[in-house]
């Protein structure tokens, strides 16, 4: 009865021209500011992420066995700290004080206890170094670092067309950003087909990046693994006699 009376009162005010619509301007301003803050946080996150480019660069000059030992230690350290922050108040306080501003929402979920992106980068590097030939790891990981950042920044800023659960604009940015890596990163003999193989693999990586949410796999792992697997497969088909292990 009370709700009916309130409804009739509002209806009467509207009919008499005295009804004032709620002012949503402050809500919209706060929403806009929140989007801007999220974009800036993502920009800072990806800028820091570029330091990961040191992984393929250093790996180029480091023997594979030595790289695996170093990555095992680093991965163990990152995973340990990442897990302990969920259980130790002291570590948690220090961790969030230093890195909290760049963590995504799912990386703060104390119920799911997800690992953060930096930890996945080292897990991914270790997996790729163990599985793939050295030059493939360098190509795949360099594309991950450069293209993933481009996809995130351009996708959030200019994304209008949905592609999986991300944006088509972000995927296009991913593919375009991979071109310098395709041209510069080491190839076995520098044959024209090798550049085509790497470019096709980068496109596959871009699609996997867009689908990573649906795949429920962190893109820091899914991107280089998908690129590496595609490169290895295509080299096996079109250049079966090339020595893929020319880099030691």
Protein backbone atom coordinates (compact mmCIF):
# COMPACT_ATOMS: atom_id res chain seq x y z
CA UNK A 1 0.00 0.00 0.00
CA UNK A 2 2.86 2.37 0.89
CA UNK A 3 4.63 1.66 -2.42
CA UNK A 4 1.37 2.29 -4.30
CA UNK A 5 0.94 5.64 -2.57
CA UNK A 6 4.53 6.66 -3.42
CA UNK A 7 4.00 5.64 -7.04
CA UNK A 8 0.76 7.67 -7.28
CA UNK A 9 2.51 10.67 -5.72
CA UNK A 10 5.36 10.53 -8.26
CA UNK A 11 2.86 10.06 -11.10
CA UNK A 12 0.88 13.09 -9.91
CA UNK A 13 4.03 15.24 -9.71
CA UNK A 14 5.03 14.19 -13.22
CA UNK A 15 1.58 15.02 -14.63
CA UNK A 16 1.74 18.46 -13.01
CA UNK A 17 5.23 19.09 -14.40
CA UNK A 18 6.85 19.14 -10.99
CA UNK A 19 8.73 15.85 -11.22
CA UNK A 20 12.53 16.21 -11.21
CA UNK A 21 14.62 13.41 -12.70
CA UNK A 22 17.50 12.14 -10.55
CA UNK A 23 20.84 13.87 -11.21
CA UNK A 24 23.26 11.20 -12.45
CA UNK A 25 26.01 13.68 -13.41
CA UNK A 26 28.16 13.00 -10.33
CA UNK A 27 27.82 9.24 -10.83
CA UNK A 28 28.88 9.59 -14.47
CA UNK A 29 31.84 11.78 -13.51
CA UNK A 30 32.98 9.24 -10.90
CA UNK A 31 32.55 6.45 -13.46
CA UNK A 32 34.61 8.39 -16.01
CA UNK A 33 37.34 9.04 -13.47
CA UNK A 34 37.39 5.37 -12.54
CA UNK A 35 37.84 4.37 -16.20
CA UNK A 36 40.68 6.90 -16.52
CA UNK A 37 42.37 5.56 -13.38
CA UNK A 38 42.05 2.00 -14.66
CA UNK A 39 43.61 3.00 -17.99
CA UNK A 40 46.52 4.74 -16.27
CA UNK A 41 47.08 1.73 -14.01
CA UNK A 42 47.10 -0.54 -17.05
CA UNK A 43 49.53 1.79 -18.83
CA UNK A 44 51.92 1.72 -15.85
CA UNK A 45 51.50 -2.04 -15.55
CA UNK A 46 52.42 -2.58 -19.21
CA UNK A 47 55.30 -0.09 -19.01
CA UNK A 48 56.77 -2.14 -16.15
CA UNK A 49 55.97 -5.27 -18.14
CA UNK A 50 58.39 -4.08 -20.85
CA UNK A 51 61.31 -4.82 -18.53
CA UNK A 52 60.46 -8.48 -19.18
CA UNK A 53 61.99 -7.94 -22.62
CA UNK A 54 65.27 -8.53 -20.80
CA UNK A 55 64.31 -12.22 -20.60
CA UNK A 56 64.61 -12.99 -24.36
CA UNK A 57 67.53 -10.55 -24.74
CA UNK A 58 69.56 -12.13 -21.93
CA UNK A 59 68.54 -15.62 -23.01
CA UNK A 60 70.06 -14.96 -26.45
CA UNK A 61 73.50 -14.65 -24.79
CA UNK A 62 72.98 -17.34 -22.13
CA UNK A 63 73.41 -21.11 -22.56
CA UNK A 64 70.09 -22.97 -22.31
CA UNK A 65 71.08 -25.08 -19.28
CA UNK A 66 72.21 -22.00 -17.36
CA UNK A 67 69.00 -20.16 -18.29
CA UNK A 68 66.87 -23.04 -16.99
CA UNK A 69 68.68 -23.03 -13.63
CA UNK A 70 68.27 -19.27 -13.25
CA UNK A 71 64.60 -19.38 -14.25
CA UNK A 72 63.87 -22.22 -11.81
CA UNK A 73 65.22 -20.09 -8.95
CA UNK A 74 63.39 -16.94 -10.07
CA UNK A 75 60.13 -18.78 -10.71
CA UNK A 76 60.29 -20.51 -7.32
CA UNK A 77 60.89 -17.15 -5.62
CA UNK A 78 58.04 -15.37 -7.42
CA UNK A 79 55.57 -18.21 -6.88
CA UNK A 80 56.50 -18.47 -3.19
CA UNK A 81 56.01 -14.77 -2.49
CA UNK A 82 52.83 -14.69 -4.56
CA UNK A 83 51.31 -17.54 -2.56
CA UNK A 84 52.55 -16.36 0.85
CA UNK A 85 50.90 -12.94 0.41
CA UNK A 86 47.56 -14.70 0.83
CA UNK A 87 48.59 -16.26 4.15
CA UNK A 88 51.11 -13.91 5.80
CA UNK A 89 49.78 -10.50 6.93
CA UNK A 90 53.32 -9.08 6.98
CA UNK A 91 54.13 -10.15 3.42
CA UNK A 92 50.65 -9.15 2.31
CA UNK A 93 51.03 -5.63 3.68
CA UNK A 94 54.45 -5.12 2.07
CA UNK A 95 53.37 -6.71 -1.22
CA UNK A 96 50.28 -4.52 -1.63
CA UNK A 97 52.18 -1.43 -0.55
CA UNK A 98 54.73 -1.96 -3.32
CA UNK A 99 52.65 -3.53 -6.09
CA UNK A 100 49.00 -3.15 -5.14
CA UNK A 101 48.36 -0.21 -7.48
CA UNK A 102 49.12 -2.28 -10.61
CA UNK A 103 47.32 -5.49 -9.64
CA UNK A 104 44.13 -6.37 -11.47
CA UNK A 105 41.00 -7.30 -9.55
CA UNK A 106 41.37 -11.05 -10.08
CA UNK A 107 44.95 -10.85 -8.80
CA UNK A 108 43.61 -9.51 -5.50
CA UNK A 109 41.05 -12.29 -5.05
CA UNK A 110 41.93 -13.92 -1.73
CA UNK A 111 39.30 -16.57 -2.29
CA UNK A 112 40.65 -17.80 -5.63
CA UNK A 113 44.29 -17.05 -4.70
CA UNK A 114 45.33 -16.29 -8.28
CA UNK A 115 48.95 -15.69 -9.21
CA UNK A 116 49.79 -12.24 -10.55
CA UNK A 117 50.98 -11.50 -14.09
CA UNK A 118 54.68 -11.16 -13.21
CA UNK A 119 54.72 -14.63 -11.69
CA UNK A 120 53.09 -16.06 -14.81
CA UNK A 121 55.77 -14.39 -16.94
CA UNK A 122 58.49 -16.39 -15.19
CA UNK A 123 56.46 -19.60 -15.24
CA UNK A 124 55.91 -19.06 -18.95
CA UNK A 125 59.59 -18.32 -19.61
CA UNK A 126 60.64 -21.51 -17.82
CA UNK A 127 58.09 -23.66 -19.68
CA UNK A 128 59.06 -22.20 -23.06
CA UNK A 129 62.81 -22.55 -22.50
CA UNK A 130 62.35 -26.20 -21.51
CA UNK A 131 60.07 -27.06 -24.45
CA UNK A 132 61.07 -25.00 -27.49
CA UNK A 133 64.25 -24.37 -29.49
CA UNK A 134 66.06 -21.23 -28.35
CA UNK A 135 65.31 -18.98 -31.32
CA UNK A 136 61.60 -19.84 -31.13
CA UNK A 137 61.51 -18.85 -27.45
CA UNK A 138 63.15 -15.51 -28.25
CA UNK A 139 60.65 -14.76 -31.03
CA UNK A 140 57.60 -15.92 -29.04
CA UNK A 141 58.55 -14.15 -25.82
CA UNK A 142 59.50 -10.88 -27.50
CA UNK A 143 56.12 -10.86 -29.25
CA UNK A 144 54.40 -11.50 -25.91
CA UNK A 145 56.08 -8.54 -24.23
CA UNK A 146 55.61 -6.00 -27.01
CA UNK A 147 52.30 -7.09 -28.52
CA UNK A 148 50.41 -7.91 -25.31
CA UNK A 149 51.11 -4.42 -23.99
CA UNK A 150 49.94 -2.86 -27.26
CA UNK A 151 46.75 -4.94 -27.26
CA UNK A 152 45.92 -3.96 -23.69
CA UNK A 153 46.56 -0.23 -24.10
CA UNK A 154 44.93 0.24 -27.51
CA UNK A 155 42.12 -2.19 -26.74
CA UNK A 156 41.12 -0.36 -23.57
CA UNK A 157 41.42 3.06 -25.18
CA UNK A 158 39.98 2.48 -28.64
CA UNK A 159 38.23 -0.89 -28.46
CA UNK A 160 34.68 -0.71 -29.86
CA UNK A 161 34.16 -4.04 -31.62
CA UNK A 162 33.98 -7.14 -29.45
CA UNK A 163 36.27 -10.04 -30.31
CA UNK A 164 35.80 -12.95 -27.89
CA UNK A 165 35.72 -11.10 -24.56
CA UNK A 166 38.23 -8.47 -25.68
CA UNK A 167 38.30 -6.08 -28.64
CA UNK A 168 39.11 -6.43 -32.32
CA UNK A 169 41.10 -3.18 -32.14
CA UNK A 170 43.29 -4.67 -29.40
CA UNK A 171 43.94 -7.80 -31.48
CA UNK A 172 44.87 -5.71 -34.52
CA UNK A 173 47.27 -3.68 -32.33
CA UNK A 174 48.77 -6.97 -31.09
CA UNK A 175 49.47 -8.14 -34.66
CA UNK A 176 50.88 -4.80 -35.84
CA UNK A 177 53.17 -4.53 -32.80
CA UNK A 178 54.61 -7.97 -33.56
CA UNK A 179 56.03 -6.83 -36.93
CA UNK A 180 59.29 -5.36 -35.53
CA UNK A 181 59.93 -8.61 -33.66
CA UNK A 182 59.20 -10.66 -36.79
CA UNK A 183 61.76 -8.58 -38.72
CA UNK A 184 64.49 -8.32 -36.06
CA UNK A 185 64.39 -11.49 -33.93
CA UNK A 186 66.75 -14.32 -35.00
CA UNK A 187 65.83 -16.77 -37.76
CA UNK A 188 67.61 -19.97 -38.79
CA UNK A 189 68.75 -18.82 -42.25
CA UNK A 190 66.72 -15.67 -42.81
CA UNK A 191 64.64 -17.26 -45.55
CA UNK A 192 61.51 -15.34 -46.67
CA UNK A 193 59.30 -18.22 -45.55
CA UNK A 194 60.67 -17.96 -42.01
CA UNK A 195 59.30 -14.43 -41.68
CA UNK A 196 55.93 -15.59 -42.98
CA UNK A 197 55.92 -18.43 -40.43
CA UNK A 198 56.68 -16.03 -37.58
CA UNK A 199 54.03 -13.57 -38.77
CA UNK A 200 51.38 -16.31 -39.02
CA UNK A 201 52.38 -17.46 -35.53
CA UNK A 202 51.99 -13.90 -34.23
CA UNK A 203 48.46 -13.79 -35.67
CA UNK A 204 47.69 -17.04 -33.84
CA UNK A 205 49.10 -15.47 -30.68
CA UNK A 206 46.84 -12.45 -31.15
CA UNK A 207 43.76 -14.65 -31.46
CA UNK A 208 44.78 -16.66 -28.40
CA UNK A 209 45.32 -13.42 -26.45
CA UNK A 210 41.77 -12.36 -27.26
CA UNK A 211 40.41 -15.78 -26.30
CA UNK A 212 42.52 -16.16 -23.13
CA UNK A 213 39.64 -15.21 -20.83
CA UNK A 214 37.41 -17.87 -22.39
CA UNK A 215 40.28 -20.38 -22.26
CA UNK A 216 40.76 -19.56 -18.55
CA UNK A 217 44.52 -19.50 -19.04
CA UNK A 218 46.74 -16.55 -18.19
CA UNK A 219 47.77 -14.91 -21.45
CA UNK A 220 51.38 -14.59 -20.28
CA UNK A 221 51.48 -18.36 -20.66
CA UNK A 222 49.01 -18.99 -23.49
CA UNK A 223 50.49 -16.40 -25.89
CA UNK A 224 54.13 -17.57 -26.07
CA UNK A 225 53.16 -21.26 -25.92
CA UNK A 226 50.70 -20.86 -28.80
CA UNK A 227 53.22 -18.84 -30.84
CA UNK A 228 56.03 -21.29 -30.10
CA UNK A 229 53.92 -24.33 -30.93
CA UNK A 230 52.73 -22.77 -34.20
CA UNK A 231 56.26 -21.83 -35.24
CA UNK A 232 57.59 -25.28 -34.41
CA UNK A 233 54.78 -26.98 -36.33
CA UNK A 234 55.17 -24.79 -39.43
CA UNK A 235 58.95 -25.15 -39.46
CA UNK A 236 58.51 -28.93 -39.23
CA UNK A 237 56.16 -28.86 -42.23
CA UNK A 238 57.90 -26.37 -44.54
CA UNK A 239 61.55 -26.54 -43.39
CA UNK A 240 62.04 -30.03 -41.95
CA UNK A 241 65.78 -30.03 -42.71
CA UNK A 242 66.69 -26.78 -40.98
CA UNK A 243 68.58 -27.01 -37.71
CA UNK A 244 66.21 -25.36 -35.23
CA UNK A 245 68.77 -25.77 -32.46
CA UNK A 246 71.43 -23.60 -34.10
CA UNK A 247 71.41 -21.33 -31.03
CA UNK A 248 72.84 -23.11 -27.99
